[in-house]
Amino acid sequence: DLTAPLYFPRPTFHLWLAHLGGLWVRHRYPATVTVVGGSAMVLAYAAERVTRDIDAYFEPRAAVTAAAAAVATDHSLPPNWLSDAVRTVWPDFRDPSPRVIWEAPGVTIAVVSPAYLLTMKAMTGRRSQADLEDAARLCQLLGISDEATLERVIRQNMPTEAPFGAQELFFEDIIDRARGIAAGSHSLPGGTLVAHTLVGQADTDRSITGPICGQWLPRAHRSCTLPAGHKGQHR
């Protein structure tokens, strides 16, 4: 079933992208693929993560899509294993320093820089648990430990003078989580998960108070939200 939500680790994605690049070398015009989102976390910033597809910006769109379809056929992958749907939510992509992970004559495959990826994660309207975890780990990677520095990085990568408004609540959660990670915590600081950062199943319309488990569940792409010290399977 090619429509099933399968999840894959970093080495598998490297294989697919290298195959895509190898196919492209036959063309006579250049192509670029810049990986973003959770896919970038898998490929460059969080080896323990898994994800089910690759979100990317790529040009020329039609030709790269055709090459990706050939890779899907060869590896029995879902047809949308390489997707540029992110353009609809972040159309003005301007990362000045993406990190190249594979290149050959005429083709460059890169991942978004950590500062730009942090900007995308912190400014998301979705505010999911996965976005929170990713943004917190990127803050740790970049040495960001306070909201003022986080906001400065965001403005450097997303020039705007407009106030952040309610998004600042998410910034607070990101910094709290980053501090928890730095302290070796496996749950959210304060042991509390607030509703505006919680997604998944029936949890989107409720909040959980008190200590939580916080164990990362790769296949579910989220943290366990059961009370800390629970017995049985995480969920």
C-alpha atoms as a PDB file:
ATOM      1  CA  ASP A   1       0.000   0.000   0.000  1.00  0.00           C
ATOM      2  CA  LEU A   2       1.917   3.045  -1.257  1.00  0.00           C
ATOM      3  CA  THR A   3      -0.484   5.417   0.497  1.00  0.00           C
ATOM      4  CA  ALA A   4       0.281   4.053   3.990  1.00  0.00           C
ATOM      5  CA  PRO A   5       2.109   6.464   6.350  1.00  0.00           C
ATOM      6  CA  LEU A   6       5.550   4.830   6.405  1.00  0.00           C
ATOM      7  CA  TYR A   7       8.417   6.423   8.347  1.00  0.00           C
ATOM      8  CA  PHE A   8      12.083   6.320   7.360  1.00  0.00           C
ATOM      9  CA  PRO A   9      15.425   7.191   8.984  1.00  0.00           C
ATOM     10  CA  ARG A  10      18.207   9.449   7.704  1.00  0.00           C
ATOM     11  CA  PRO A  11      20.286   6.873   5.717  1.00  0.00           C
ATOM     12  CA  THR A  12      17.219   5.952   3.663  1.00  0.00           C
ATOM     13  CA  PHE A  13      16.604   9.574   2.672  1.00  0.00           C
ATOM     14  CA  HIS A  14      20.257  10.005   1.720  1.00  0.00           C
ATOM     15  CA  LEU A  15      19.878   7.016  -0.607  1.00  0.00           C
ATOM     16  CA  TRP A  16      16.773   8.421  -2.287  1.00  0.00           C
ATOM     17  CA  LEU A  17      18.258  11.881  -2.759  1.00  0.00           C
ATOM     18  CA  ALA A  18      21.518  10.494  -4.128  1.00  0.00           C
ATOM     19  CA  HIS A  19      19.490   8.426  -6.610  1.00  0.00           C
ATOM     20  CA  LEU A  20      17.537  11.538  -7.581  1.00  0.00           C
ATOM     21  CA  GLY A  21      20.793  13.427  -8.097  1.00  0.00           C
ATOM     22  CA  GLY A  22      22.263  10.587 -10.116  1.00  0.00           C
ATOM     23  CA  LEU A  23      19.281  10.608 -12.459  1.00  0.00           C
ATOM     24  CA  TRP A  24      19.557  14.362 -12.864  1.00  0.00           C
ATOM     25  CA  VAL A  25      23.205  14.320 -13.979  1.00  0.00           C
ATOM     26  CA  ARG A  26      21.963  13.151 -17.388  1.00  0.00           C
ATOM     27  CA  HIS A  27      20.182  16.474 -17.948  1.00  0.00           C
ATOM     28  CA  ARG A  28      21.819  19.462 -19.572  1.00  0.00           C
ATOM     29  CA  TYR A  29      20.406  22.137 -17.272  1.00  0.00           C
ATOM     30  CA  PRO A  30      20.947  22.724 -13.529  1.00  0.00           C
ATOM     31  CA  ALA A  31      18.630  21.716 -10.697  1.00  0.00           C
ATOM     32  CA  THR A  32      18.494  22.570  -7.011  1.00  0.00           C
ATOM     33  CA  VAL A  33      16.686  20.794  -4.183  1.00  0.00           C
ATOM     34  CA  THR A  34      16.608  22.422  -0.735  1.00  0.00           C
ATOM     35  CA  VAL A  35      15.147  20.219   2.000  1.00  0.00           C
ATOM     36  CA  VAL A  36      13.159  21.890   4.804  1.00  0.00           C
ATOM     37  CA  GLY A  37      10.917  21.004   7.748  1.00  0.00           C
ATOM     38  CA  GLY A  38      11.115  17.743   9.648  1.00  0.00           C
ATOM     39  CA  SER A  39      12.968  16.242   6.695  1.00  0.00           C
ATOM     40  CA  ALA A  40      15.841  18.674   7.273  1.00  0.00           C
ATOM     41  CA  MET A  41      15.881  17.697  10.942  1.00  0.00           C
ATOM     42  CA  VAL A  42      16.280  14.053   9.911  1.00  0.00           C
ATOM     43  CA  LEU A  43      18.964  14.708   7.334  1.00  0.00           C
ATOM     44  CA  ALA A  44      21.126  17.211   9.198  1.00  0.00           C
ATOM     45  CA  TYR A  45      20.087  18.146  12.709  1.00  0.00           C
ATOM     46  CA  ALA A  46      18.505  15.194  14.570  1.00  0.00           C
ATOM     47  CA  ALA A  47      19.746  11.748  13.549  1.00  0.00           C
ATOM     48  CA  GLU A  48      17.331   9.988  15.918  1.00  0.00           C
ATOM     49  CA  ARG A  49      14.298  11.400  14.123  1.00  0.00           C
ATOM     50  CA  VAL A  50      12.308   9.685  11.405  1.00  0.00           C
ATOM     51  CA  THR A  51       9.788  11.135   8.965  1.00  0.00           C
ATOM     52  CA  ARG A  52       7.623   9.846   6.133  1.00  0.00           C
ATOM     53  CA  ASP A  53       8.462  12.150   3.217  1.00  0.00           C
ATOM     54  CA  ILE A  54      10.776  14.941   2.148  1.00  0.00           C
ATOM     55  CA  ASP A  55       9.548  18.527   2.109  1.00  0.00           C
ATOM     56  CA  ALA A  56      11.636  20.673  -0.202  1.00  0.00           C
ATOM     57  CA  TYR A  57      11.857  23.615  -2.578  1.00  0.00           C
ATOM     58  CA  PHE A  58      13.143  22.540  -5.972  1.00  0.00           C
ATOM     59  CA  GLU A  59      13.702  23.943  -9.437  1.00  0.00           C
ATOM     60  CA  PRO A  60      12.849  23.276 -12.224  1.00  0.00           C
ATOM     61  CA  ARG A  61       9.684  21.946 -10.624  1.00  0.00           C
ATOM     62  CA  ALA A  62       8.214  19.847 -13.443  1.00  0.00           C
ATOM     63  CA  ALA A  63      11.470  18.118 -14.366  1.00  0.00           C
ATOM     64  CA  VAL A  64      12.496  17.390 -10.758  1.00  0.00           C
ATOM     65  CA  THR A  65       9.012  16.024 -10.064  1.00  0.00           C
ATOM     66  CA  ALA A  66       9.395  13.670 -13.033  1.00  0.00           C
ATOM     67  CA  ALA A  67      12.804  12.498 -11.769  1.00  0.00           C
ATOM     68  CA  ALA A  68      11.325  11.962  -8.295  1.00  0.00           C
ATOM     69  CA  ALA A  69       8.581   9.813  -9.830  1.00  0.00           C
ATOM     70  CA  ALA A  70      11.273   7.585 -11.345  1.00  0.00           C
ATOM     71  CA  VAL A  71      12.925   7.210  -7.925  1.00  0.00           C
ATOM     72  CA  ALA A  72       9.518   6.335  -6.420  1.00  0.00           C
ATOM     73  CA  THR A  73       9.066   3.576  -8.980  1.00  0.00           C
ATOM     74  CA  ASP A  74      12.543   2.134  -8.390  1.00  0.00           C
ATOM     75  CA  HIS A  75      12.192   2.110  -4.585  1.00  0.00           C
ATOM     76  CA  SER A  76       8.432   1.389  -4.312  1.00  0.00           C
ATOM     77  CA  LEU A  77       7.815   4.730  -2.621  1.00  0.00           C
ATOM     78  CA  PRO A  78       4.658   6.807  -2.279  1.00  0.00           C
ATOM     79  CA  PRO A  79       4.363   9.115  -5.306  1.00  0.00           C
ATOM     80  CA  ASN A  80       4.683  12.222  -3.119  1.00  0.00           C
ATOM     81  CA  TRP A  81       7.839  11.153  -1.261  1.00  0.00           C
ATOM     82  CA  LEU A  82       9.367  14.443  -2.472  1.00  0.00           C
ATOM     83  CA  SER A  83       6.886  17.280  -2.021  1.00  0.00           C
ATOM     84  CA  ASP A  84       7.030  21.046  -2.445  1.00  0.00           C
ATOM     85  CA  ALA A  85       3.646  21.672  -0.814  1.00  0.00           C
ATOM     86  CA  VAL A  86       5.510  23.831   1.695  1.00  0.00           C
ATOM     87  CA  ARG A  87       5.392  26.599  -0.941  1.00  0.00           C
ATOM     88  CA  THR A  88       1.739  27.154  -0.105  1.00  0.00           C
ATOM     89  CA  VAL A  89       2.496  28.037   3.533  1.00  0.00           C
ATOM     90  CA  TRP A  90       5.938  29.635   3.095  1.00  0.00           C
ATOM     91  CA  PRO A  91       6.052  31.005  -0.473  1.00  0.00           C
ATOM     92  CA  ASP A  92       8.885  33.515   0.037  1.00  0.00           C
ATOM     93  CA  PHE A  93      11.797  31.158   0.765  1.00  0.00           C
ATOM     94  CA  ARG A  94      15.075  33.109   1.018  1.00  0.00           C
ATOM     95  CA  ASP A  95      17.613  31.086   2.989  1.00  0.00           C
ATOM     96  CA  PRO A  96      21.005  32.757   2.307  1.00  0.00           C
ATOM     97  CA  SER A  97      23.112  29.835   3.518  1.00  0.00           C
ATOM     98  CA  PRO A  98      21.660  26.368   2.921  1.00  0.00           C
ATOM     99  CA  ARG A  99      23.968  23.442   3.687  1.00  0.00           C
ATOM    100  CA  VAL A 100      24.935  21.332   0.679  1.00  0.00           C
ATOM    101  CA  ILE A 101      24.716  17.583   1.364  1.00  0.00           C
ATOM    102  CA  TRP A 102      25.121  16.206  -2.180  1.00  0.00           C
ATOM    103  CA  GLU A 103      26.218  17.730  -5.459  1.00  0.00           C
ATOM    104  CA  ALA A 104      27.350  16.723  -8.913  1.00  0.00           C
ATOM    105  CA  PRO A 105      27.693  18.609 -12.191  1.00  0.00           C
ATOM    106  CA  GLY A 106      24.358  20.330 -12.721  1.00  0.00           C
ATOM    107  CA  VAL A 107      22.624  19.342  -9.471  1.00  0.00           C
ATOM    108  CA  THR A 108      22.799  20.571  -5.886  1.00  0.00           C
ATOM    109  CA  ILE A 109      20.918  19.013  -2.964  1.00  0.00           C
ATOM    110  CA  ALA A 110      20.984  20.991   0.268  1.00  0.00           C
ATOM    111  CA  VAL A 111      19.216  21.334   3.611  1.00  0.00           C
ATOM    112  CA  VAL A 112      17.944  24.611   4.989  1.00  0.00           C
ATOM    113  CA  SER A 113      20.307  26.339   7.431  1.00  0.00           C
ATOM    114  CA  PRO A 114      19.522  25.864  11.141  1.00  0.00           C
ATOM    115  CA  ALA A 115      18.723  29.556  11.710  1.00  0.00           C
ATOM    116  CA  TYR A 116      16.291  29.696   8.794  1.00  0.00           C
ATOM    117  CA  LEU A 117      14.711  26.378   9.762  1.00  0.00           C
ATOM    118  CA  LEU A 118      14.264  27.689  13.303  1.00  0.00           C
ATOM    119  CA  THR A 119      12.491  30.727  11.853  1.00  0.00           C
ATOM    120  CA  MET A 120      10.121  28.522   9.870  1.00  0.00           C
ATOM    121  CA  LYS A 121       9.436  26.296  12.876  1.00  0.00           C
ATOM    122  CA  ALA A 122       8.918  29.178  15.313  1.00  0.00           C
ATOM    123  CA  MET A 123       6.600  31.096  12.972  1.00  0.00           C
ATOM    124  CA  THR A 124       4.386  28.165  12.021  1.00  0.00           C
ATOM    125  CA  GLY A 125       0.692  28.658  12.581  1.00  0.00           C
ATOM    126  CA  ARG A 126       0.342  24.941  13.327  1.00  0.00           C
ATOM    127  CA  ARG A 127       2.391  25.143  16.569  1.00  0.00           C
ATOM    128  CA  SER A 128       2.572  21.363  16.825  1.00  0.00           C
ATOM    129  CA  GLN A 129       4.434  19.293  19.371  1.00  0.00           C
ATOM    130  CA  ALA A 130       6.879  18.219  16.646  1.00  0.00           C
ATOM    131  CA  ASP A 131       7.517  21.859  15.679  1.00  0.00           C
ATOM    132  CA  LEU A 132       8.087  22.699  19.336  1.00  0.00           C
ATOM    133  CA  GLU A 133      10.619  19.884  19.788  1.00  0.00           C
ATOM    134  CA  ASP A 134      12.434  20.745  16.552  1.00  0.00           C
ATOM    135  CA  ALA A 135      12.603  24.458  17.339  1.00  0.00           C
ATOM    136  CA  ALA A 136      13.875  23.773  20.852  1.00  0.00           C
ATOM    137  CA  ARG A 137      16.627  21.495  19.560  1.00  0.00           C
ATOM    138  CA  LEU A 138      17.617  24.073  16.969  1.00  0.00           C
ATOM    139  CA  CYS A 139      17.815  26.697  19.720  1.00  0.00           C
ATOM    140  CA  GLN A 140      20.118  24.375  21.609  1.00  0.00           C
ATOM    141  CA  LEU A 141      22.231  23.859  18.484  1.00  0.00           C
ATOM    142  CA  LEU A 142      22.483  27.617  17.898  1.00  0.00           C
ATOM    143  CA  GLY A 143      23.096  28.499  21.534  1.00  0.00           C
ATOM    144  CA  ILE A 144      19.810  30.406  21.911  1.00  0.00           C
ATOM    145  CA  SER A 145      18.569  30.457  25.498  1.00  0.00           C
ATOM    146  CA  ASP A 146      16.219  33.449  25.718  1.00  0.00           C
ATOM    147  CA  GLU A 147      13.261  34.856  23.822  1.00  0.00           C
ATOM    148  CA  ALA A 148      14.997  38.098  22.845  1.00  0.00           C
ATOM    149  CA  THR A 149      17.710  36.206  20.966  1.00  0.00           C
ATOM    150  CA  LEU A 150      15.127  33.935  19.360  1.00  0.00           C
ATOM    151  CA  GLU A 151      13.145  36.944  18.125  1.00  0.00           C
ATOM    152  CA  ARG A 152      16.308  38.572  16.783  1.00  0.00           C
ATOM    153  CA  VAL A 153      17.161  35.463  14.745  1.00  0.00           C
ATOM    154  CA  ILE A 154      13.614  35.326  13.384  1.00  0.00           C
ATOM    155  CA  ARG A 155      13.692  38.970  12.297  1.00  0.00           C
ATOM    156  CA  GLN A 156      17.071  38.446  10.611  1.00  0.00           C
ATOM    157  CA  ASN A 157      15.587  35.679   8.487  1.00  0.00           C
ATOM    158  CA  MET A 158      12.076  37.053   8.105  1.00  0.00           C
ATOM    159  CA  PRO A 159      12.435  40.841   7.907  1.00  0.00           C
ATOM    160  CA  THR A 160       9.365  42.413   9.441  1.00  0.00           C
ATOM    161  CA  GLU A 161       8.616  45.224  11.847  1.00  0.00           C
ATOM    162  CA  ALA A 162       5.194  43.850  12.708  1.00  0.00           C
ATOM    163  CA  PRO A 163       4.674  42.614  16.281  1.00  0.00           C
ATOM    164  CA  PHE A 164       4.648  38.854  16.748  1.00  0.00           C
ATOM    165  CA  GLY A 165       1.467  38.949  18.819  1.00  0.00           C
ATOM    166  CA  ALA A 166       0.107  35.601  19.978  1.00  0.00           C
ATOM    167  CA  GLN A 167       3.052  33.800  18.336  1.00  0.00           C
ATOM    168  CA  GLU A 168       5.140  34.949  21.309  1.00  0.00           C
ATOM    169  CA  LEU A 169       3.320  32.339  23.409  1.00  0.00           C
ATOM    170  CA  PHE A 170       4.885  29.690  21.200  1.00  0.00           C
ATOM    171  CA  PHE A 171       8.282  31.390  21.514  1.00  0.00           C
ATOM    172  CA  GLU A 172       7.979  31.049  25.301  1.00  0.00           C
ATOM    173  CA  ASP A 173       7.245  27.331  24.957  1.00  0.00           C
ATOM    174  CA  ILE A 174      10.220  26.881  22.622  1.00  0.00           C
ATOM    175  CA  ILE A 175      12.663  28.541  25.019  1.00  0.00           C
ATOM    176  CA  ASP A 176      11.239  26.655  28.005  1.00  0.00           C
ATOM    177  CA  ARG A 177      11.636  23.387  26.137  1.00  0.00           C
ATOM    178  CA  ALA A 178      15.171  24.303  25.003  1.00  0.00           C
ATOM    179  CA  ARG A 179      16.119  24.961  28.615  1.00  0.00           C
ATOM    180  CA  GLY A 180      14.619  21.620  29.598  1.00  0.00           C
ATOM    181  CA  ILE A 181      16.667  19.840  26.960  1.00  0.00           C
ATOM    182  CA  ALA A 182      19.812  21.626  28.127  1.00  0.00           C
ATOM    183  CA  ALA A 183      19.081  20.488  31.681  1.00  0.00           C
ATOM    184  CA  GLY A 184      18.641  16.894  30.540  1.00  0.00           C
ATOM    185  CA  SER A 185      14.865  16.895  30.900  1.00  0.00           C
ATOM    186  CA  HIS A 186      12.677  14.479  28.931  1.00  0.00           C
ATOM    187  CA  SER A 187       9.473  16.373  29.612  1.00  0.00           C
ATOM    188  CA  LEU A 188       8.388  19.943  29.099  1.00  0.00           C
ATOM    189  CA  PRO A 189       9.641  22.461  31.683  1.00  0.00           C
ATOM    190  CA  GLY A 190       7.246  22.713  34.603  1.00  0.00           C
ATOM    191  CA  GLY A 191       5.785  19.322  33.676  1.00  0.00           C
ATOM    192  CA  THR A 192       2.963  21.006  31.801  1.00  0.00           C
ATOM    193  CA  LEU A 193       1.809  20.675  28.211  1.00  0.00           C
ATOM    194  CA  VAL A 194      -0.444  23.524  27.140  1.00  0.00           C
ATOM    195  CA  ALA A 195      -3.199  23.141  24.586  1.00  0.00           C
ATOM    196  CA  HIS A 196      -1.800  25.544  21.969  1.00  0.00           C
ATOM    197  CA  THR A 197       1.289  23.343  21.464  1.00  0.00           C
ATOM    198  CA  LEU A 198      -0.473  19.973  21.535  1.00  0.00           C
ATOM    199  CA  VAL A 199      -1.595  18.064  18.461  1.00  0.00           C
ATOM    200  CA  GLY A 200      -2.562  14.537  17.585  1.00  0.00           C
ATOM    201  CA  GLN A 201      -5.686  12.402  17.808  1.00  0.00           C
ATOM    202  CA  ALA A 202      -8.182  13.774  20.340  1.00  0.00           C
ATOM    203  CA  ASP A 203      -5.613  15.889  22.161  1.00  0.00           C
ATOM    204  CA  THR A 204      -6.042  18.995  20.013  1.00  0.00           C
ATOM    205  CA  ASP A 205      -8.923  20.399  22.033  1.00  0.00           C
ATOM    206  CA  ARG A 206      -7.744  19.778  25.571  1.00  0.00           C
ATOM    207  CA  SER A 207      -4.840  20.566  27.846  1.00  0.00           C
ATOM    208  CA  ILE A 208      -2.902  18.332  30.200  1.00  0.00           C
ATOM    209  CA  THR A 209      -1.733  19.605  33.555  1.00  0.00           C
ATOM    210  CA  GLY A 210       0.772  18.097  35.960  1.00  0.00           C
ATOM    211  CA  PRO A 211       3.906  16.106  35.135  1.00  0.00           C
ATOM    212  CA  ILE A 212       3.822  14.341  31.775  1.00  0.00           C
ATOM    213  CA  CYS A 213       5.921  11.519  30.352  1.00  0.00           C
ATOM    214  CA  GLY A 214       7.324  13.396  27.331  1.00  0.00           C
ATOM    215  CA  GLN A 215       8.938  10.314  25.745  1.00  0.00           C
ATOM    216  CA  TRP A 216       9.489  11.000  22.004  1.00  0.00           C
ATOM    217  CA  LEU A 217       7.520   8.586  19.786  1.00  0.00           C
ATOM    218  CA  PRO A 218       9.162   8.552  16.323  1.00  0.00           C
ATOM    219  CA  ARG A 219       6.413   6.702  14.477  1.00  0.00           C
ATOM    220  CA  ALA A 220       3.717   8.954  15.931  1.00  0.00           C
ATOM    221  CA  HIS A 221       5.882  12.046  15.328  1.00  0.00           C
ATOM    222  CA  ARG A 222       5.074  13.421  18.767  1.00  0.00           C
ATOM    223  CA  SER A 223       5.808  13.080  22.497  1.00  0.00           C
ATOM    224  CA  CYS A 224       3.935  10.806  24.898  1.00  0.00           C
ATOM    225  CA  THR A 225       1.281  12.814  26.725  1.00  0.00           C
ATOM    226  CA  LEU A 226       0.412  10.325  29.438  1.00  0.00           C
ATOM    227  CA  PRO A 227       1.146  11.265  33.071  1.00  0.00           C
ATOM    228  CA  ALA A 228       4.751  10.818  34.149  1.00  0.00           C
ATOM    229  CA  GLY A 229       5.497   7.391  35.622  1.00  0.00           C
ATOM    230  CA  HIS A 230       2.675   5.652  33.764  1.00  0.00           C
ATOM    231  CA  LYS A 231       2.773   1.922  33.140  1.00  0.00           C
ATOM    232  CA  GLY A 232       2.212   0.315  29.762  1.00  0.00           C
ATOM    233  CA  GLN A 233       2.753   1.677  26.281  1.00  0.00           C
ATOM    234  CA  HIS A 234       3.427   5.327  25.525  1.00  0.00           C
ATOM    235  CA  ARG A 235       0.850   7.276  23.558  1.00  0.00           C
END
